[in-house]
Structure formats: C-alpha cells, structure tokens
N, C-alpha and C. Protein backbone atom coordinates (compact mmCIF):
# COMPACT_ATOMS: atom_id res chain seq x y z
N MET A 1 -0.82 2.34 11.33
CA MET A 1 -2.08 1.86 10.83
C MET A 1 -2.62 0.85 11.84
N ARG A 2 -3.88 0.89 12.04
CA ARG A 2 -4.46 -0.03 12.99
C ARG A 2 -4.60 -1.42 12.39
N THR A 3 -4.68 -2.40 13.24
CA THR A 3 -4.76 -3.79 12.80
C THR A 3 -6.02 -4.05 11.98
N VAL A 4 -7.12 -3.45 12.37
CA VAL A 4 -8.38 -3.66 11.64
C VAL A 4 -8.25 -3.14 10.21
N THR A 5 -7.62 -1.99 10.06
CA THR A 5 -7.42 -1.42 8.72
C THR A 5 -6.52 -2.33 7.89
N LYS A 6 -5.50 -2.88 8.51
CA LYS A 6 -4.60 -3.79 7.79
C LYS A 6 -5.33 -5.04 7.34
N ILE A 7 -6.20 -5.56 8.20
CA ILE A 7 -6.97 -6.76 7.83
C ILE A 7 -7.90 -6.44 6.67
N ILE A 8 -8.58 -5.30 6.72
CA ILE A 8 -9.49 -4.91 5.64
C ILE A 8 -8.72 -4.73 4.33
N LEU A 9 -7.57 -4.08 4.38
CA LEU A 9 -6.76 -3.90 3.17
C LEU A 9 -6.28 -5.23 2.61
N THR A 10 -5.94 -6.16 3.49
CA THR A 10 -5.50 -7.48 3.04
C THR A 10 -6.63 -8.22 2.34
N ILE A 11 -7.84 -8.13 2.89
CA ILE A 11 -9.00 -8.79 2.27
C ILE A 11 -9.32 -8.17 0.92
N VAL A 12 -9.27 -6.85 0.84
CA VAL A 12 -9.52 -6.16 -0.43
C VAL A 12 -8.46 -6.55 -1.46
N LEU A 13 -7.22 -6.60 -1.03
CA LEU A 13 -6.14 -6.99 -1.93
C LEU A 13 -6.32 -8.43 -2.42
N PHE A 14 -6.76 -9.31 -1.55
CA PHE A 14 -7.02 -10.70 -1.94
C PHE A 14 -8.14 -10.78 -2.96
N MET A 15 -9.19 -9.97 -2.78
CA MET A 15 -10.30 -9.96 -3.74
C MET A 15 -9.85 -9.44 -5.10
N ILE A 16 -9.01 -8.42 -5.10
CA ILE A 16 -8.47 -7.90 -6.36
C ILE A 16 -7.62 -8.94 -7.05
N MET A 17 -6.80 -9.64 -6.28
CA MET A 17 -5.93 -10.68 -6.84
C MET A 17 -6.77 -11.81 -7.45
N ALA A 18 -7.81 -12.22 -6.75
CA ALA A 18 -8.67 -13.28 -7.27
C ALA A 18 -9.35 -12.85 -8.57
N ALA A 19 -9.78 -11.60 -8.63
CA ALA A 19 -10.43 -11.10 -9.85
C ALA A 19 -9.43 -11.05 -11.01
N LEU A 20 -8.21 -10.61 -10.74
CA LEU A 20 -7.20 -10.54 -11.80
C LEU A 20 -6.83 -11.94 -12.31
N ILE A 21 -6.73 -12.90 -11.43
CA ILE A 21 -6.43 -14.27 -11.86
C ILE A 21 -7.58 -14.83 -12.71
N ALA A 22 -8.82 -14.51 -12.32
CA ALA A 22 -9.97 -14.97 -13.11
C ALA A 22 -9.95 -14.33 -14.50
N VAL A 23 -9.59 -13.06 -14.58
CA VAL A 23 -9.51 -12.38 -15.88
C VAL A 23 -8.41 -13.00 -16.73
N ILE A 24 -7.28 -13.31 -16.14
CA ILE A 24 -6.18 -13.92 -16.89
C ILE A 24 -6.59 -15.30 -17.40
N ASN A 25 -7.25 -16.09 -16.55
CA ASN A 25 -7.70 -17.42 -16.97
C ASN A 25 -8.71 -17.34 -18.12
N ASP A 26 -9.62 -16.38 -18.05
CA ASP A 26 -10.60 -16.23 -19.13
C ASP A 26 -9.94 -15.72 -20.40
N ALA A 27 -8.99 -14.83 -20.26
CA ALA A 27 -8.33 -14.25 -21.44
C ALA A 27 -7.47 -15.28 -22.17
N THR A 28 -6.83 -16.17 -21.43
CA THR A 28 -5.98 -17.17 -22.06
C THR A 28 -6.76 -18.40 -22.47
N GLY A 29 -8.01 -18.52 -22.04
CA GLY A 29 -8.84 -19.65 -22.41
C GLY A 29 -8.47 -20.94 -21.71
N GLN A 30 -7.72 -20.85 -20.63
CA GLN A 30 -7.28 -22.05 -19.92
C GLN A 30 -8.31 -22.55 -18.93
N GLY A 31 -9.22 -21.71 -18.51
CA GLY A 31 -10.19 -22.12 -17.51
C GLY A 31 -9.55 -22.26 -16.14
N SER A 32 -10.22 -22.93 -15.24
CA SER A 32 -9.71 -23.04 -13.88
C SER A 32 -8.84 -24.28 -13.67
N SER A 33 -8.68 -25.11 -14.70
CA SER A 33 -7.92 -26.34 -14.51
C SER A 33 -6.42 -26.16 -14.72
N HIS A 34 -5.99 -25.00 -15.23
CA HIS A 34 -4.57 -24.76 -15.48
C HIS A 34 -4.09 -23.55 -14.69
N SER A 35 -2.79 -23.43 -14.60
CA SER A 35 -2.23 -22.28 -13.91
C SER A 35 -2.27 -21.06 -14.82
N THR A 36 -1.99 -19.92 -14.25
CA THR A 36 -2.04 -18.68 -15.01
C THR A 36 -0.72 -18.37 -15.71
N GLY A 37 0.27 -19.20 -15.53
CA GLY A 37 1.55 -19.00 -16.22
C GLY A 37 2.38 -17.90 -15.60
N PRO A 38 3.21 -17.26 -16.42
CA PRO A 38 4.10 -16.23 -15.89
C PRO A 38 3.36 -15.00 -15.37
N PHE A 39 2.20 -14.68 -15.97
CA PHE A 39 1.44 -13.53 -15.48
C PHE A 39 0.94 -13.77 -14.06
N GLY A 40 0.47 -14.97 -13.80
CA GLY A 40 0.02 -15.31 -12.46
C GLY A 40 1.16 -15.31 -11.46
N PHE A 41 2.32 -15.76 -11.89
CA PHE A 41 3.49 -15.75 -11.01
C PHE A 41 3.87 -14.32 -10.65
N ILE A 42 3.87 -13.43 -11.64
CA ILE A 42 4.20 -12.02 -11.39
C ILE A 42 3.16 -11.39 -10.47
N LEU A 43 1.88 -11.68 -10.71
CA LEU A 43 0.83 -11.15 -9.83
C LEU A 43 0.96 -11.67 -8.41
N THR A 44 1.36 -12.93 -8.26
CA THR A 44 1.54 -13.49 -6.93
C THR A 44 2.68 -12.80 -6.19
N ILE A 45 3.77 -12.54 -6.88
CA ILE A 45 4.90 -11.82 -6.26
C ILE A 45 4.46 -10.41 -5.84
N ILE A 46 3.72 -9.72 -6.71
CA ILE A 46 3.22 -8.38 -6.38
C ILE A 46 2.27 -8.45 -5.19
N PHE A 47 1.38 -9.44 -5.19
CA PHE A 47 0.42 -9.62 -4.11
C PHE A 47 1.13 -9.84 -2.77
N LEU A 48 2.10 -10.72 -2.75
CA LEU A 48 2.83 -10.99 -1.51
C LEU A 48 3.63 -9.78 -1.05
N SER A 49 4.22 -9.06 -1.98
CA SER A 49 4.97 -7.84 -1.63
C SER A 49 4.05 -6.79 -1.04
N ALA A 50 2.85 -6.65 -1.61
CA ALA A 50 1.90 -5.67 -1.10
C ALA A 50 1.44 -6.04 0.31
N ILE A 51 1.20 -7.31 0.56
CA ILE A 51 0.78 -7.74 1.90
C ILE A 51 1.89 -7.49 2.92
N ILE A 52 3.12 -7.79 2.54
CA ILE A 52 4.25 -7.53 3.44
C ILE A 52 4.38 -6.04 3.72
N ALA A 53 4.22 -5.22 2.69
CA ALA A 53 4.32 -3.76 2.88
C ALA A 53 3.20 -3.24 3.78
N ILE A 54 2.00 -3.77 3.62
CA ILE A 54 0.88 -3.34 4.46
C ILE A 54 1.16 -3.67 5.93
N TRP A 55 1.63 -4.88 6.20
CA TRP A 55 1.81 -5.29 7.59
C TRP A 55 3.07 -4.73 8.23
N LYS A 56 4.05 -4.30 7.44
CA LYS A 56 5.26 -3.70 8.02
C LYS A 56 5.14 -2.19 8.18
N TYR A 57 4.11 -1.59 7.61
CA TYR A 57 3.97 -0.13 7.64
C TYR A 57 3.70 0.36 9.05
N LYS A 58 4.53 1.29 9.50
CA LYS A 58 4.35 1.91 10.80
C LYS A 58 4.54 3.42 10.60
N PRO A 59 3.45 4.19 10.67
CA PRO A 59 3.57 5.63 10.41
C PRO A 59 4.34 6.33 11.52
N LYS A 60 4.97 7.43 11.14
CA LYS A 60 5.67 8.24 12.14
C LYS A 60 4.64 8.97 12.99
N LYS A 61 4.98 9.19 14.22
CA LYS A 61 4.07 9.91 15.10
C LYS A 61 4.06 11.38 14.72
N THR A 62 2.87 11.94 14.67
CA THR A 62 2.75 13.35 14.30
C THR A 62 2.78 14.21 15.55
N THR A 63 3.17 15.45 15.37
CA THR A 63 3.19 16.38 16.48
C THR A 63 1.81 16.99 16.66
N ASN A 64 1.58 17.54 17.81
CA ASN A 64 0.30 18.18 18.08
C ASN A 64 0.20 19.50 17.31
N ASN A 65 -1.00 19.94 17.06
CA ASN A 65 -1.20 21.21 16.37
C ASN A 65 -0.68 22.38 17.20
N LYS A 66 -0.70 22.26 18.51
CA LYS A 66 -0.21 23.34 19.37
C LYS A 66 1.28 23.56 19.15
N ASP A 67 2.04 22.48 18.96
CA ASP A 67 3.47 22.62 18.71
C ASP A 67 3.73 23.32 17.38
N ILE A 68 2.93 23.01 16.38
CA ILE A 68 3.09 23.64 15.07
C ILE A 68 2.75 25.12 15.16
N GLU A 69 1.69 25.46 15.89
CA GLU A 69 1.29 26.86 16.02
C GLU A 69 2.36 27.67 16.73
N LYS A 70 3.04 27.10 17.70
CA LYS A 70 4.10 27.80 18.40
C LYS A 70 5.23 28.16 17.45
N HIS A 71 5.60 27.24 16.58
CA HIS A 71 6.72 27.46 15.67
C HIS A 71 6.35 28.38 14.53
N GLU A 72 5.08 28.48 14.18
CA GLU A 72 4.67 29.37 13.10
C GLU A 72 4.73 30.82 13.53
N ASP A 73 4.58 31.10 14.83
CA ASP A 73 4.61 32.47 15.31
C ASP A 73 6.02 33.04 15.29
N ILE A 74 7.02 32.21 15.37
CA ILE A 74 8.41 32.66 15.40
C ILE A 74 8.94 32.69 13.98
N ASP A 75 9.45 33.84 13.56
CA ASP A 75 10.00 34.00 12.23
C ASP A 75 11.53 33.95 12.35
N ASN A 76 12.14 32.89 11.94
CA ASN A 76 13.59 32.71 12.05
C ASN A 76 14.32 32.90 10.72
N HIS A 77 13.63 33.47 9.74
CA HIS A 77 14.27 33.63 8.44
C HIS A 77 15.31 34.74 8.52
N GLN A 78 16.49 34.46 7.98
CA GLN A 78 17.56 35.46 7.98
C GLN A 78 18.04 35.61 6.54
N LEU A 79 18.39 36.82 6.20
CA LEU A 79 18.90 37.10 4.87
C LEU A 79 20.40 36.84 4.84
N ASP A 80 20.90 36.47 3.67
CA ASP A 80 22.32 36.22 3.51
C ASP A 80 23.10 37.51 3.27
N LYS A 81 22.41 38.60 3.03
CA LYS A 81 23.09 39.87 2.75
C LYS A 81 23.63 40.46 4.03
N ARG A 82 24.75 41.18 3.90
CA ARG A 82 25.33 41.83 5.08
C ARG A 82 25.46 43.29 4.87
C-alpha cells in the first residue's frame, strides 16, 4: 500500500473514532467533560490496533499477466487411475 493511501486511511479511521466517541458521550449523557468509560477504552484499543495493522501491511508482489497466461496453456492434470 502506498504511503498516501495509508495516511488517508488513518485520517478516515480517526474521523470514525471521533464520531463514535461523540455518540458514546451523547448516549451516556456525560457530555465532553467526562471520559467514555470502558467503551471508550475498548474503542481506543481497536483504533490503535487498526492503525498498526494499516501501517504494517505490505502486500505480496503479484506476478505479471504474461506469466499466468503461460501456465494456463499447459495442462498438467494427471489422473490417479492406472
């Protein structure tokens, strides 16, 4: 994944996290002066895990289509019957 894509995903994830914390604060009636409690802690752990997963992701290199076409022409299937 390219660095720009990772940055965009991190920003989107941060916006989702902020929205979820706002929903939790409104639902519990605590407002912005209190913490979100255990739900906020769980969301923070999920948020940090997702960011770590995004930045550690390294896709495997794919083969060219020409290599795949070469192997499709060869039929190597063998029957087990004798």
